[in-house]
Amino acid sequence: MKALELPIVISFEEDVYIARCPLIQGAFAEGDTPQEAAKELSEVIELILQYKKERGDDMSAVIDALTVESDKIVTTITIGR
């Protein structure tokens, strides 16, 4: 199975954790914990990529650059306030 290696940033804003992926426009999610925000972000990223694929957008260069052989999603997580 292939997974994407994506950097994400998680911050605490107004009583909620916000997770963002700076490489994908519109990829952000919130949660009560950093883990919940990251999980929600993973689902948002999946939906965005599926939508772009259905539209026929060429994501191959981005996907190839970020793809690693794995059976898990690998992320870089920065937690800050």
C-alpha atoms as a PDB file:
ATOM      1  CA  MET A   1       0.000   0.000   0.000  1.00  0.00           C
ATOM      2  CA  LYS A   2       1.203   3.530  -0.729  1.00  0.00           C
ATOM      3  CA  ALA A   3       0.821   6.440   1.667  1.00  0.00           C
ATOM      4  CA  LEU A   4       1.458  10.143   1.342  1.00  0.00           C
ATOM      5  CA  GLU A   5       4.089  11.747   3.525  1.00  0.00           C
ATOM      6  CA  LEU A   6       2.619  15.164   4.289  1.00  0.00           C
ATOM      7  CA  PRO A   7       3.723  17.875   6.683  1.00  0.00           C
ATOM      8  CA  ILE A   8       0.968  19.102   8.956  1.00  0.00           C
ATOM      9  CA  VAL A   9       0.804  21.922  11.455  1.00  0.00           C
ATOM     10  CA  ILE A  10      -1.414  21.705  14.538  1.00  0.00           C
ATOM     11  CA  SER A  11      -2.121  24.807  16.572  1.00  0.00           C
ATOM     12  CA  PHE A  12      -4.409  25.623  19.481  1.00  0.00           C
ATOM     13  CA  GLU A  13      -6.791  28.466  18.639  1.00  0.00           C
ATOM     14  CA  GLU A  14      -9.832  29.612  20.604  1.00  0.00           C
ATOM     15  CA  ASP A  15     -10.321  26.396  22.605  1.00  0.00           C
ATOM     16  CA  VAL A  16      -9.879  24.023  19.647  1.00  0.00           C
ATOM     17  CA  TYR A  17      -6.961  22.375  17.859  1.00  0.00           C
ATOM     18  CA  ILE A  18      -6.610  23.272  14.178  1.00  0.00           C
ATOM     19  CA  ALA A  19      -4.671  20.950  11.868  1.00  0.00           C
ATOM     20  CA  ARG A  20      -3.492  22.227   8.474  1.00  0.00           C
ATOM     21  CA  CYS A  21      -1.524  20.801   5.584  1.00  0.00           C
ATOM     22  CA  PRO A  22       0.377  23.687   3.971  1.00  0.00           C
ATOM     23  CA  LEU A  23       0.935  21.723   0.744  1.00  0.00           C
ATOM     24  CA  ILE A  24      -2.751  21.248  -0.064  1.00  0.00           C
ATOM     25  CA  GLN A  25      -4.971  24.283  -0.494  1.00  0.00           C
ATOM     26  CA  GLY A  26      -8.069  24.099   1.707  1.00  0.00           C
ATOM     27  CA  ALA A  27      -6.746  21.222   3.818  1.00  0.00           C
ATOM     28  CA  PHE A  28      -7.604  22.028   7.412  1.00  0.00           C
ATOM     29  CA  ALA A  29      -9.667  20.477  10.195  1.00  0.00           C
ATOM     30  CA  GLU A  30     -10.361  20.952  13.875  1.00  0.00           C
ATOM     31  CA  GLY A  31     -10.697  18.747  16.916  1.00  0.00           C
ATOM     32  CA  ASP A  32     -10.826  18.717  20.685  1.00  0.00           C
ATOM     33  CA  THR A  33      -7.372  17.081  20.804  1.00  0.00           C
ATOM     34  CA  PRO A  34      -4.345  17.212  18.479  1.00  0.00           C
ATOM     35  CA  GLN A  35      -4.964  13.569  17.572  1.00  0.00           C
ATOM     36  CA  GLU A  36      -8.601  14.233  16.666  1.00  0.00           C
ATOM     37  CA  ALA A  37      -7.627  17.241  14.540  1.00  0.00           C
ATOM     38  CA  ALA A  38      -4.965  15.169  12.725  1.00  0.00           C
ATOM     39  CA  LYS A  39      -7.449  12.340  12.097  1.00  0.00           C
ATOM     40  CA  GLU A  40     -10.032  14.754  10.735  1.00  0.00           C
ATOM     41  CA  LEU A  41      -7.372  16.382   8.545  1.00  0.00           C
ATOM     42  CA  SER A  42      -6.445  12.991   7.113  1.00  0.00           C
ATOM     43  CA  GLU A  43     -10.065  12.507   6.042  1.00  0.00           C
ATOM     44  CA  VAL A  44     -10.242  16.025   4.566  1.00  0.00           C
ATOM     45  CA  ILE A  45      -7.064  15.432   2.545  1.00  0.00           C
ATOM     46  CA  GLU A  46      -8.483  12.168   1.230  1.00  0.00           C
ATOM     47  CA  LEU A  47     -11.675  13.942   0.120  1.00  0.00           C
ATOM     48  CA  ILE A  48      -9.742  16.776  -1.551  1.00  0.00           C
ATOM     49  CA  LEU A  49      -7.536  14.355  -3.485  1.00  0.00           C
ATOM     50  CA  GLN A  50     -10.552  12.265  -4.506  1.00  0.00           C
ATOM     51  CA  TYR A  51     -12.357  15.399  -5.722  1.00  0.00           C
ATOM     52  CA  LYS A  52      -9.317  16.537  -7.731  1.00  0.00           C
ATOM     53  CA  LYS A  53      -9.021  13.069  -9.268  1.00  0.00           C
ATOM     54  CA  GLU A  54     -12.715  13.073 -10.259  1.00  0.00           C
ATOM     55  CA  ARG A  55     -12.279  16.511 -11.867  1.00  0.00           C
ATOM     56  CA  GLY A  56      -9.319  15.220 -13.827  1.00  0.00           C
ATOM     57  CA  ASP A  57      -6.803  17.547 -12.182  1.00  0.00           C
ATOM     58  CA  ASP A  58      -3.227  16.438 -12.752  1.00  0.00           C
ATOM     59  CA  MET A  59      -1.937  15.642  -9.289  1.00  0.00           C
ATOM     60  CA  SER A  60       0.637  13.104 -10.448  1.00  0.00           C
ATOM     61  CA  ALA A  61       3.688  15.308  -9.863  1.00  0.00           C
ATOM     62  CA  VAL A  62       2.563  16.183  -6.352  1.00  0.00           C
ATOM     63  CA  ILE A  63       1.515  12.638  -5.500  1.00  0.00           C
ATOM     64  CA  ASP A  64       4.749  11.126  -6.856  1.00  0.00           C
ATOM     65  CA  ALA A  65       6.834  13.580  -4.836  1.00  0.00           C
ATOM     66  CA  LEU A  66       4.987  12.743  -1.624  1.00  0.00           C
ATOM     67  CA  THR A  67       4.416   8.995  -2.022  1.00  0.00           C
ATOM     68  CA  VAL A  68       6.241   6.523   0.182  1.00  0.00           C
ATOM     69  CA  GLU A  69       5.864   2.766   0.433  1.00  0.00           C
ATOM     70  CA  SER A  70       3.975   2.143   3.654  1.00  0.00           C
ATOM     71  CA  ASP A  71       0.754   0.875   5.087  1.00  0.00           C
ATOM     72  CA  LYS A  72       0.351   3.931   7.310  1.00  0.00           C
ATOM     73  CA  ILE A  73       0.076   7.670   6.858  1.00  0.00           C
ATOM     74  CA  VAL A  74       3.326   9.309   7.878  1.00  0.00           C
ATOM     75  CA  THR A  75       3.190  12.923   8.971  1.00  0.00           C
ATOM     76  CA  THR A  76       5.414  15.612  10.355  1.00  0.00           C
ATOM     77  CA  ILE A  77       3.555  17.209  13.225  1.00  0.00           C
ATOM     78  CA  THR A  78       4.372  20.575  14.774  1.00  0.00           C
ATOM     79  CA  ILE A  79       2.366  21.473  17.852  1.00  0.00           C
ATOM     80  CA  GLY A  80       2.485  25.087  18.988  1.00  0.00           C
ATOM     81  CA  ARG A  81       0.406  27.778  20.583  1.00  0.00           C
END
